[in-house]
Amino acid sequence: MKKTLLSFFLLLFCCTLFAQSQGKVEYLKMPCTMLKGITQRDYTLYLPPGYEADKTERYPVLYLLHGGGCEDTQWVTYGRLPQVADSMIASGKVPKMIIVCPEANKNKMIWFNDPDWTYEDYFFNEFIPYIEHHYRVLADQQHRSVAGFSMGGGGSVVYGVHHPEMFSMVYAMSAYLRRQPLEFLKNDPLGEWRQTVVERNNPIKYVADCPQMKIDAMNTERWFIDCGDDDFTLEGNMDLVKVFRSRGVRHQFRVRDGAHNWDYWRPALVEAILNAFPMSYNSKFH
């Protein structure tokens, strides 16, 4: 009997330790008032281990923007987000953080502003305030970062250049930055509209033409441009790097073997989490 009880409590203790080392993923909805005809938006949330146990601790927050035709949930299903974050937190490589994956695929599938679809305004004026009100986040530039792949990589760059006071890090994976001929958009009734909005928000042109005070503000962010050598967006990413260099925006440019797919974005996600809130400040940016 004593052995049975001992085994039971040992098992219970091990289960408790295991549970405490795991974060929590939730698939949620929030009210929406700023997007025409929309009353709710989806988002995926990762809460770090121990979030529920200590009600006083506050956390940095990383926003992850998905690609065109994709969903917020793919960071979990294809990117293995909770496993990656749990492992990196447990190893002490990164601090505990909240990770938020907004959804921008439904309806008009774009991260940017258009007269009838002001998603960028919604993101900064409704979505981020909602997250910062409902969760225990550290709500300042130093503790807020953004990353994304493909269309979401382009969104990350645009958000970073338009709102440099908001983020400590911008990590763009295979960023779609400007109009390109894309076969899969030919039969999309909104394909031409998307291309027009992307080009209207072209960050390469924005950085080339913006005043010096904006460049100075961008240098308060840590920039990572990460794109595969077989990716159809590589040329656009190289042009962004060229204009960053010409205007003096400090950045890291990373090109690895790979294409426009999750085989490339999974390791890039690891790097984004690793660099979002470094345990020790990286001097190469100063």
C-alpha atoms as a PDB file:
ATOM      1  CA  MET A   1       0.000   0.000   0.000  1.00  0.00           C
ATOM      2  CA  LYS A   2       2.812   2.405   0.958  1.00  0.00           C
ATOM      3  CA  LYS A   3       4.609   1.648  -2.301  1.00  0.00           C
ATOM      4  CA  THR A   4       1.401   2.287  -4.245  1.00  0.00           C
ATOM      5  CA  LEU A   5       0.870   5.650  -2.514  1.00  0.00           C
ATOM      6  CA  LEU A   6       4.511   6.588  -3.039  1.00  0.00           C
ATOM      7  CA  SER A   7       4.283   5.739  -6.726  1.00  0.00           C
ATOM      8  CA  PHE A   8       1.064   7.738  -7.027  1.00  0.00           C
ATOM      9  CA  PHE A   9       2.530  10.874  -5.427  1.00  0.00           C
ATOM     10  CA  LEU A  10       5.730  10.534  -7.452  1.00  0.00           C
ATOM     11  CA  LEU A  11       3.675  10.325 -10.639  1.00  0.00           C
ATOM     12  CA  LEU A  12       1.589  13.317  -9.532  1.00  0.00           C
ATOM     13  CA  PHE A  13       4.749  15.325  -8.798  1.00  0.00           C
ATOM     14  CA  CYS A  14       6.235  14.489 -12.206  1.00  0.00           C
ATOM     15  CA  CYS A  15       2.992  15.422 -13.963  1.00  0.00           C
ATOM     16  CA  THR A  16       2.903  18.719 -12.084  1.00  0.00           C
ATOM     17  CA  LEU A  17       6.493  19.535 -13.077  1.00  0.00           C
ATOM     18  CA  PHE A  18       5.717  18.640 -16.694  1.00  0.00           C
ATOM     19  CA  ALA A  19       2.615  20.831 -16.720  1.00  0.00           C
ATOM     20  CA  GLN A  20       4.558  23.733 -15.230  1.00  0.00           C
ATOM     21  CA  SER A  21       7.149  23.482 -18.024  1.00  0.00           C
ATOM     22  CA  GLN A  22       4.528  23.771 -20.759  1.00  0.00           C
ATOM     23  CA  GLY A  23       2.924  26.897 -22.116  1.00  0.00           C
ATOM     24  CA  LYS A  24      -0.727  27.128 -23.067  1.00  0.00           C
ATOM     25  CA  VAL A  25      -2.191  27.666 -26.543  1.00  0.00           C
ATOM     26  CA  GLU A  26      -5.657  29.138 -26.979  1.00  0.00           C
ATOM     27  CA  TYR A  27      -7.711  29.857 -30.107  1.00  0.00           C
ATOM     28  CA  LEU A  28      -9.786  32.935 -29.385  1.00  0.00           C
ATOM     29  CA  LYS A  29     -11.938  35.737 -30.772  1.00  0.00           C
ATOM     30  CA  MET A  30     -12.003  39.431 -29.931  1.00  0.00           C
ATOM     31  CA  PRO A  31     -14.570  42.123 -30.693  1.00  0.00           C
ATOM     32  CA  CYS A  32     -13.832  44.252 -33.758  1.00  0.00           C
ATOM     33  CA  THR A  33     -15.282  47.677 -34.506  1.00  0.00           C
ATOM     34  CA  MET A  34     -12.757  49.198 -36.946  1.00  0.00           C
ATOM     35  CA  LEU A  35     -13.093  46.841 -39.932  1.00  0.00           C
ATOM     36  CA  LYS A  36     -16.092  47.392 -42.147  1.00  0.00           C
ATOM     37  CA  GLY A  37     -18.771  44.724 -41.677  1.00  0.00           C
ATOM     38  CA  ILE A  38     -16.694  42.751 -39.144  1.00  0.00           C
ATOM     39  CA  THR A  39     -17.726  42.240 -35.514  1.00  0.00           C
ATOM     40  CA  GLN A  40     -15.125  39.645 -34.431  1.00  0.00           C
ATOM     41  CA  ARG A  41     -11.582  38.622 -35.348  1.00  0.00           C
ATOM     42  CA  ASP A  42      -9.733  35.395 -34.542  1.00  0.00           C
ATOM     43  CA  TYR A  43      -6.327  35.169 -32.929  1.00  0.00           C
ATOM     44  CA  THR A  44      -4.073  32.438 -31.557  1.00  0.00           C
ATOM     45  CA  LEU A  45      -2.433  32.968 -28.186  1.00  0.00           C
ATOM     46  CA  TYR A  46       0.557  31.347 -26.499  1.00  0.00           C
ATOM     47  CA  LEU A  47       0.882  31.909 -22.753  1.00  0.00           C
ATOM     48  CA  PRO A  48       4.220  30.878 -21.215  1.00  0.00           C
ATOM     49  CA  PRO A  49       4.676  28.277 -18.461  1.00  0.00           C
ATOM     50  CA  GLY A  50       3.630  29.620 -15.084  1.00  0.00           C
ATOM     51  CA  TYR A  51       1.384  32.376 -16.469  1.00  0.00           C
ATOM     52  CA  GLU A  52      -1.623  31.201 -14.458  1.00  0.00           C
ATOM     53  CA  ALA A  53       0.386  30.489 -11.299  1.00  0.00           C
ATOM     54  CA  ASP A  54       1.865  33.950 -10.704  1.00  0.00           C
ATOM     55  CA  LYS A  55      -0.771  36.655 -11.181  1.00  0.00           C
ATOM     56  CA  THR A  56       1.718  39.485 -10.648  1.00  0.00           C
ATOM     57  CA  GLU A  57       4.339  38.711 -13.293  1.00  0.00           C
ATOM     58  CA  ARG A  58       4.190  40.640 -16.571  1.00  0.00           C
ATOM     59  CA  TYR A  59       5.696  39.508 -19.879  1.00  0.00           C
ATOM     60  CA  PRO A  60       7.099  40.803 -23.167  1.00  0.00           C
ATOM     61  CA  VAL A  61       4.919  40.089 -26.180  1.00  0.00           C
ATOM     62  CA  LEU A  62       5.853  38.890 -29.674  1.00  0.00           C
ATOM     63  CA  TYR A  63       3.339  39.359 -32.504  1.00  0.00           C
ATOM     64  CA  LEU A  64       3.528  36.820 -35.361  1.00  0.00           C
ATOM     65  CA  LEU A  65       1.927  37.720 -38.706  1.00  0.00           C
ATOM     66  CA  HIS A  66       0.991  34.856 -41.053  1.00  0.00           C
ATOM     67  CA  GLY A  67       1.306  34.751 -44.824  1.00  0.00           C
ATOM     68  CA  GLY A  68      -1.278  35.297 -47.558  1.00  0.00           C
ATOM     69  CA  GLY A  69      -3.823  32.499 -47.891  1.00  0.00           C
ATOM     70  CA  CYS A  70      -2.710  31.147 -44.506  1.00  0.00           C
ATOM     71  CA  GLU A  71      -4.169  31.353 -40.999  1.00  0.00           C
ATOM     72  CA  ASP A  72      -3.066  32.398 -37.542  1.00  0.00           C
ATOM     73  CA  THR A  73      -3.292  28.765 -36.409  1.00  0.00           C
ATOM     74  CA  GLN A  74      -0.520  27.668 -38.802  1.00  0.00           C
ATOM     75  CA  TRP A  75       2.135  29.016 -36.436  1.00  0.00           C
ATOM     76  CA  VAL A  76       1.039  26.134 -34.197  1.00  0.00           C
ATOM     77  CA  THR A  77       0.207  23.421 -36.746  1.00  0.00           C
ATOM     78  CA  TYR A  78       3.133  23.984 -39.153  1.00  0.00           C
ATOM     79  CA  GLY A  79       5.505  26.168 -37.145  1.00  0.00           C
ATOM     80  CA  ARG A  80       5.277  24.044 -33.956  1.00  0.00           C
ATOM     81  CA  LEU A  81       5.160  27.257 -31.975  1.00  0.00           C
ATOM     82  CA  PRO A  82       4.387  25.871 -28.492  1.00  0.00           C
ATOM     83  CA  GLN A  83       7.058  23.176 -28.695  1.00  0.00           C
ATOM     84  CA  VAL A  84       9.663  25.695 -29.891  1.00  0.00           C
ATOM     85  CA  ALA A  85       8.760  28.329 -27.294  1.00  0.00           C
ATOM     86  CA  ASP A  86       8.528  25.816 -24.415  1.00  0.00           C
ATOM     87  CA  SER A  87      11.920  24.334 -25.289  1.00  0.00           C
ATOM     88  CA  MET A  88      13.675  27.688 -25.614  1.00  0.00           C
ATOM     89  CA  ILE A  89      12.176  29.011 -22.373  1.00  0.00           C
ATOM     90  CA  ALA A  90      13.062  25.803 -20.507  1.00  0.00           C
ATOM     91  CA  SER A  91      16.661  25.963 -21.751  1.00  0.00           C
ATOM     92  CA  GLY A  92      17.028  29.544 -20.535  1.00  0.00           C
ATOM     93  CA  LYS A  93      17.790  30.846 -24.032  1.00  0.00           C
ATOM     94  CA  VAL A  94      14.878  33.284 -23.953  1.00  0.00           C
ATOM     95  CA  PRO A  95      12.745  34.865 -21.241  1.00  0.00           C
ATOM     96  CA  LYS A  96       9.150  33.838 -20.751  1.00  0.00           C
ATOM     97  CA  MET A  97       7.004  35.694 -23.253  1.00  0.00           C
ATOM     98  CA  ILE A  98       3.468  35.932 -24.556  1.00  0.00           C
ATOM     99  CA  ILE A  99       3.126  35.237 -28.289  1.00  0.00           C
ATOM    100  CA  VAL A 100       0.102  36.514 -30.210  1.00  0.00           C
ATOM    101  CA  CYS A 101      -0.844  35.475 -33.748  1.00  0.00           C
ATOM    102  CA  PRO A 102      -3.534  37.740 -35.243  1.00  0.00           C
ATOM    103  CA  GLU A 103      -5.645  36.654 -38.210  1.00  0.00           C
ATOM    104  CA  ALA A 104      -5.700  38.580 -41.497  1.00  0.00           C
ATOM    105  CA  ASN A 105      -6.729  35.955 -44.068  1.00  0.00           C
ATOM    106  CA  LYS A 106     -10.519  36.160 -43.872  1.00  0.00           C
ATOM    107  CA  ASN A 107     -12.453  38.759 -45.815  1.00  0.00           C
ATOM    108  CA  LYS A 108      -9.755  40.759 -47.679  1.00  0.00           C
ATOM    109  CA  MET A 109      -6.472  39.071 -46.689  1.00  0.00           C
ATOM    110  CA  ILE A 110      -4.121  42.003 -46.199  1.00  0.00           C
ATOM    111  CA  TRP A 111      -2.183  43.569 -43.298  1.00  0.00           C
ATOM    112  CA  PHE A 112      -2.232  47.091 -44.703  1.00  0.00           C
ATOM    113  CA  ASN A 113      -4.571  50.055 -44.924  1.00  0.00           C
ATOM    114  CA  ASP A 114      -6.946  50.736 -47.783  1.00  0.00           C
ATOM    115  CA  PRO A 115      -9.823  53.252 -47.727  1.00  0.00           C
ATOM    116  CA  ASP A 116     -12.386  50.451 -47.224  1.00  0.00           C
ATOM    117  CA  TRP A 117     -10.191  48.090 -45.192  1.00  0.00           C
ATOM    118  CA  THR A 118      -8.051  49.813 -42.562  1.00  0.00           C
ATOM    119  CA  TYR A 119      -6.337  46.750 -41.104  1.00  0.00           C
ATOM    120  CA  GLU A 120      -3.158  48.554 -40.045  1.00  0.00           C
ATOM    121  CA  ASP A 121      -5.240  51.070 -38.069  1.00  0.00           C
ATOM    122  CA  TYR A 122      -7.177  48.191 -36.519  1.00  0.00           C
ATOM    123  CA  PHE A 123      -3.956  46.407 -35.533  1.00  0.00           C
ATOM    124  CA  PHE A 124      -2.449  49.389 -33.716  1.00  0.00           C
ATOM    125  CA  ASN A 125      -5.575  51.090 -32.395  1.00  0.00           C
ATOM    126  CA  GLU A 126      -7.748  48.114 -31.484  1.00  0.00           C
ATOM    127  CA  PHE A 127      -5.870  44.800 -31.546  1.00  0.00           C
ATOM    128  CA  ILE A 128      -2.723  45.726 -29.600  1.00  0.00           C
ATOM    129  CA  PRO A 129      -4.691  47.731 -26.989  1.00  0.00           C
ATOM    130  CA  TYR A 130      -7.024  44.750 -26.541  1.00  0.00           C
ATOM    131  CA  ILE A 131      -4.082  42.388 -25.933  1.00  0.00           C
ATOM    132  CA  GLU A 132      -2.425  44.817 -23.539  1.00  0.00           C
ATOM    133  CA  HIS A 133      -5.655  45.279 -21.603  1.00  0.00           C
ATOM    134  CA  HIS A 134      -6.574  41.593 -21.308  1.00  0.00           C
ATOM    135  CA  TYR A 135      -3.167  40.019 -20.657  1.00  0.00           C
ATOM    136  CA  ARG A 136      -0.278  40.817 -18.338  1.00  0.00           C
ATOM    137  CA  VAL A 137       2.108  42.258 -20.903  1.00  0.00           C
ATOM    138  CA  LEU A 138       4.900  44.791 -20.558  1.00  0.00           C
ATOM    139  CA  ALA A 139       3.415  47.496 -22.762  1.00  0.00           C
ATOM    140  CA  ASP A 140       6.422  49.427 -24.049  1.00  0.00           C
ATOM    141  CA  GLN A 141       8.729  49.355 -27.066  1.00  0.00           C
ATOM    142  CA  GLN A 142      11.465  47.405 -25.315  1.00  0.00           C
ATOM    143  CA  HIS A 143       9.084  44.529 -24.592  1.00  0.00           C
ATOM    144  CA  ARG A 144       7.140  44.407 -27.875  1.00  0.00           C
ATOM    145  CA  SER A 145       8.392  42.706 -31.083  1.00  0.00           C
ATOM    146  CA  VAL A 146       6.897  41.651 -34.425  1.00  0.00           C
ATOM    147  CA  ALA A 147       7.761  38.965 -36.971  1.00  0.00           C
ATOM    148  CA  GLY A 148       6.077  37.322 -39.928  1.00  0.00           C
ATOM    149  CA  PHE A 149       6.466  35.270 -43.099  1.00  0.00           C
ATOM    150  CA  SER A 150       5.585  36.103 -46.722  1.00  0.00           C
ATOM    151  CA  MET A 151       2.704  38.613 -46.654  1.00  0.00           C
ATOM    152  CA  GLY A 152       3.153  38.719 -42.873  1.00  0.00           C
ATOM    153  CA  GLY A 153       6.865  39.377 -43.357  1.00  0.00           C
ATOM    154  CA  GLY A 154       5.927  42.338 -45.519  1.00  0.00           C
ATOM    155  CA  GLY A 155       3.421  43.390 -42.876  1.00  0.00           C
ATOM    156  CA  SER A 156       6.125  43.232 -40.212  1.00  0.00           C
ATOM    157  CA  VAL A 157       8.430  45.473 -42.253  1.00  0.00           C
ATOM    158  CA  VAL A 158       5.669  47.974 -43.031  1.00  0.00           C
ATOM    159  CA  TYR A 159       4.612  48.092 -39.376  1.00  0.00           C
ATOM    160  CA  GLY A 160       8.227  48.543 -38.354  1.00  0.00           C
ATOM    161  CA  VAL A 161       8.885  51.465 -40.710  1.00  0.00           C
ATOM    162  CA  HIS A 162       5.508  53.142 -40.132  1.00  0.00           C
ATOM    163  CA  HIS A 163       5.550  52.698 -36.334  1.00  0.00           C
ATOM    164  CA  PRO A 164       9.209  52.437 -35.251  1.00  0.00           C
ATOM    165  CA  GLU A 165       8.357  53.591 -31.735  1.00  0.00           C
ATOM    166  CA  MET A 166       6.292  50.444 -31.174  1.00  0.00           C
ATOM    167  CA  PHE A 167       8.768  47.566 -31.570  1.00  0.00           C
ATOM    168  CA  SER A 168      12.157  46.523 -30.249  1.00  0.00           C
ATOM    169  CA  MET A 169      12.651  43.921 -33.018  1.00  0.00           C
ATOM    170  CA  VAL A 170      11.318  43.324 -36.521  1.00  0.00           C
ATOM    171  CA  TYR A 171      12.018  39.881 -38.004  1.00  0.00           C
ATOM    172  CA  ALA A 172      10.926  39.475 -41.647  1.00  0.00           C
ATOM    173  CA  MET A 173      10.905  35.975 -43.146  1.00  0.00           C
ATOM    174  CA  SER A 174      10.595  35.755 -46.954  1.00  0.00           C
ATOM    175  CA  ALA A 175       8.883  39.146 -46.869  1.00  0.00           C
ATOM    176  CA  TYR A 176       6.540  40.002 -49.741  1.00  0.00           C
ATOM    177  CA  LEU A 177       7.371  43.693 -50.097  1.00  0.00           C
ATOM    178  CA  ARG A 178       6.151  44.909 -53.485  1.00  0.00           C
ATOM    179  CA  ARG A 179       4.054  43.962 -56.485  1.00  0.00           C
ATOM    180  CA  GLN A 180       5.294  40.824 -58.259  1.00  0.00           C
ATOM    181  CA  PRO A 181       3.645  38.674 -60.951  1.00  0.00           C
ATOM    182  CA  LEU A 182       2.204  35.734 -59.031  1.00  0.00           C
ATOM    183  CA  GLU A 183       0.529  32.852 -60.838  1.00  0.00           C
ATOM    184  CA  PHE A 184      -1.664  31.854 -57.884  1.00  0.00           C
ATOM    185  CA  LEU A 185      -3.304  35.315 -57.792  1.00  0.00           C
ATOM    186  CA  LYS A 186      -4.439  35.268 -61.427  1.00  0.00           C
ATOM    187  CA  ASN A 187      -7.788  33.649 -60.631  1.00  0.00           C
ATOM    188  CA  ASP A 188      -8.256  35.487 -57.335  1.00  0.00           C
ATOM    189  CA  PRO A 189     -10.998  38.147 -57.714  1.00  0.00           C
ATOM    190  CA  LEU A 190      -9.188  40.295 -55.142  1.00  0.00           C
ATOM    191  CA  GLY A 191      -5.715  39.531 -56.498  1.00  0.00           C
ATOM    192  CA  GLU A 192      -5.255  42.838 -58.330  1.00  0.00           C
ATOM    193  CA  TRP A 193      -6.588  44.779 -55.342  1.00  0.00           C
ATOM    194  CA  ARG A 194      -4.082  43.035 -53.039  1.00  0.00           C
ATOM    195  CA  GLN A 195      -1.207  43.758 -55.389  1.00  0.00           C
ATOM    196  CA  THR A 196      -2.250  47.410 -55.574  1.00  0.00           C
ATOM    197  CA  VAL A 197      -2.423  47.740 -51.782  1.00  0.00           C
ATOM    198  CA  VAL A 198       0.945  45.972 -51.351  1.00  0.00           C
ATOM    199  CA  GLU A 199       2.578  48.347 -53.845  1.00  0.00           C
ATOM    200  CA  ARG A 200       0.938  51.378 -52.247  1.00  0.00           C
ATOM    201  CA  ASN A 201       2.558  50.306 -48.948  1.00  0.00           C
ATOM    202  CA  ASN A 202       5.909  49.382 -50.543  1.00  0.00           C
ATOM    203  CA  PRO A 203       8.409  49.785 -47.657  1.00  0.00           C
ATOM    204  CA  ILE A 204      11.394  49.984 -50.031  1.00  0.00           C
ATOM    205  CA  LYS A 205      10.022  53.221 -51.486  1.00  0.00           C
ATOM    206  CA  TYR A 206       8.973  54.440 -48.055  1.00  0.00           C
ATOM    207  CA  VAL A 207      12.462  54.054 -46.561  1.00  0.00           C
ATOM    208  CA  ALA A 208      14.064  55.655 -49.632  1.00  0.00           C
ATOM    209  CA  ASP A 209      11.893  58.784 -49.347  1.00  0.00           C
ATOM    210  CA  CYS A 210      11.211  59.210 -45.620  1.00  0.00           C
ATOM    211  CA  PRO A 211      12.826  62.007 -43.557  1.00  0.00           C
ATOM    212  CA  GLN A 212      15.960  61.405 -41.497  1.00  0.00           C
ATOM    213  CA  MET A 213      14.019  61.542 -38.235  1.00  0.00           C
ATOM    214  CA  LYS A 214      12.162  58.390 -39.346  1.00  0.00           C
ATOM    215  CA  ILE A 215      15.474  56.660 -40.105  1.00  0.00           C
ATOM    216  CA  ASP A 216      16.718  57.609 -36.647  1.00  0.00           C
ATOM    217  CA  ALA A 217      13.563  56.093 -35.146  1.00  0.00           C
ATOM    218  CA  MET A 218      14.008  52.878 -37.174  1.00  0.00           C
ATOM    219  CA  ASN A 219      17.447  52.529 -35.630  1.00  0.00           C
ATOM    220  CA  THR A 220      15.826  52.083 -32.225  1.00  0.00           C
ATOM    221  CA  GLU A 221      14.570  48.748 -33.599  1.00  0.00           C
ATOM    222  CA  ARG A 222      16.640  45.613 -34.264  1.00  0.00           C
ATOM    223  CA  TRP A 223      16.052  44.532 -37.859  1.00  0.00           C
ATOM    224  CA  PHE A 224      16.394  41.012 -39.284  1.00  0.00           C
ATOM    225  CA  ILE A 225      15.773  40.297 -42.974  1.00  0.00           C
ATOM    226  CA  ASP A 226      15.763  36.522 -43.565  1.00  0.00           C
ATOM    227  CA  CYS A 227      15.097  34.976 -46.991  1.00  0.00           C
ATOM    228  CA  GLY A 228      15.936  31.728 -48.784  1.00  0.00           C
ATOM    229  CA  ASP A 229      18.238  31.666 -51.794  1.00  0.00           C
ATOM    230  CA  ASP A 230      15.522  29.956 -53.872  1.00  0.00           C
ATOM    231  CA  ASP A 231      12.691  32.220 -52.694  1.00  0.00           C
ATOM    232  CA  PHE A 232      10.793  34.278 -55.279  1.00  0.00           C
ATOM    233  CA  THR A 233      10.852  37.243 -52.856  1.00  0.00           C
ATOM    234  CA  LEU A 234      14.668  37.292 -52.579  1.00  0.00           C
ATOM    235  CA  GLU A 235      15.194  40.135 -55.051  1.00  0.00           C
ATOM    236  CA  GLY A 236      12.717  42.349 -53.212  1.00  0.00           C
ATOM    237  CA  ASN A 237      14.383  41.562 -49.893  1.00  0.00           C
ATOM    238  CA  MET A 238      17.772  42.400 -51.389  1.00  0.00           C
ATOM    239  CA  ASP A 239      16.391  45.745 -52.576  1.00  0.00           C
ATOM    240  CA  LEU A 240      15.143  46.454 -49.043  1.00  0.00           C
ATOM    241  CA  VAL A 241      18.642  45.710 -47.733  1.00  0.00           C
ATOM    242  CA  LYS A 242      20.136  48.064 -50.343  1.00  0.00           C
ATOM    243  CA  VAL A 243      17.923  50.946 -49.268  1.00  0.00           C
ATOM    244  CA  PHE A 244      18.566  50.150 -45.592  1.00  0.00           C
ATOM    245  CA  ARG A 245      22.294  50.410 -46.314  1.00  0.00           C
ATOM    246  CA  SER A 246      21.967  53.619 -48.328  1.00  0.00           C
ATOM    247  CA  ARG A 247      19.853  55.292 -45.612  1.00  0.00           C
ATOM    248  CA  GLY A 248      21.863  53.920 -42.682  1.00  0.00           C
ATOM    249  CA  VAL A 249      19.271  51.591 -41.122  1.00  0.00           C
ATOM    250  CA  ARG A 250      21.187  49.026 -39.053  1.00  0.00           C
ATOM    251  CA  HIS A 251      20.098  45.452 -39.781  1.00  0.00           C
ATOM    252  CA  GLN A 252      21.112  41.834 -40.221  1.00  0.00           C
ATOM    253  CA  PHE A 253      20.547  40.195 -43.608  1.00  0.00           C
ATOM    254  CA  ARG A 254      20.361  36.409 -43.579  1.00  0.00           C
ATOM    255  CA  VAL A 255      20.232  34.192 -46.667  1.00  0.00           C
ATOM    256  CA  ARG A 256      20.108  30.433 -46.209  1.00  0.00           C
ATOM    257  CA  ASP A 257      19.433  27.487 -48.484  1.00  0.00           C
ATOM    258  CA  GLY A 258      15.681  27.260 -48.960  1.00  0.00           C
ATOM    259  CA  ALA A 259      12.499  28.424 -50.645  1.00  0.00           C
ATOM    260  CA  HIS A 260       9.124  29.943 -49.794  1.00  0.00           C
ATOM    261  CA  ASN A 261       7.830  27.260 -47.435  1.00  0.00           C
ATOM    262  CA  TRP A 262       7.689  26.007 -43.857  1.00  0.00           C
ATOM    263  CA  ASP A 263      10.950  24.105 -44.205  1.00  0.00           C
ATOM    264  CA  TYR A 264      12.528  27.559 -44.251  1.00  0.00           C
ATOM    265  CA  TRP A 265      10.169  29.362 -41.869  1.00  0.00           C
ATOM    266  CA  ARG A 266      10.389  26.827 -39.013  1.00  0.00           C
ATOM    267  CA  PRO A 267      14.085  27.523 -38.299  1.00  0.00           C
ATOM    268  CA  ALA A 268      13.453  31.221 -38.994  1.00  0.00           C
ATOM    269  CA  LEU A 269      10.769  31.162 -36.283  1.00  0.00           C
ATOM    270  CA  VAL A 270      13.361  29.810 -33.844  1.00  0.00           C
ATOM    271  CA  GLU A 271      15.610  32.758 -34.708  1.00  0.00           C
ATOM    272  CA  ALA A 272      12.762  35.233 -34.361  1.00  0.00           C
ATOM    273  CA  ILE A 273      11.915  33.971 -30.866  1.00  0.00           C
ATOM    274  CA  LEU A 274      15.603  33.868 -29.928  1.00  0.00           C
ATOM    275  CA  ASN A 275      16.137  37.496 -30.966  1.00  0.00           C
ATOM    276  CA  ALA A 276      12.804  38.977 -29.894  1.00  0.00           C
ATOM    277  CA  PHE A 277      13.961  39.726 -26.349  1.00  0.00           C
ATOM    278  CA  PRO A 278      17.621  38.694 -26.009  1.00  0.00           C
ATOM    279  CA  MET A 279      18.802  37.724 -22.545  1.00  0.00           C
ATOM    280  CA  SER A 280      21.804  40.014 -23.030  1.00  0.00           C
ATOM    281  CA  TYR A 281      21.741  43.086 -25.271  1.00  0.00           C
ATOM    282  CA  ASN A 282      23.357  42.526 -28.654  1.00  0.00           C
ATOM    283  CA  SER A 283      26.021  45.223 -29.127  1.00  0.00           C
ATOM    284  CA  LYS A 284      26.263  44.790 -32.892  1.00  0.00           C
ATOM    285  CA  PHE A 285      23.205  47.016 -33.310  1.00  0.00           C
ATOM    286  CA  HIS A 286      24.925  49.987 -31.627  1.00  0.00           C
END
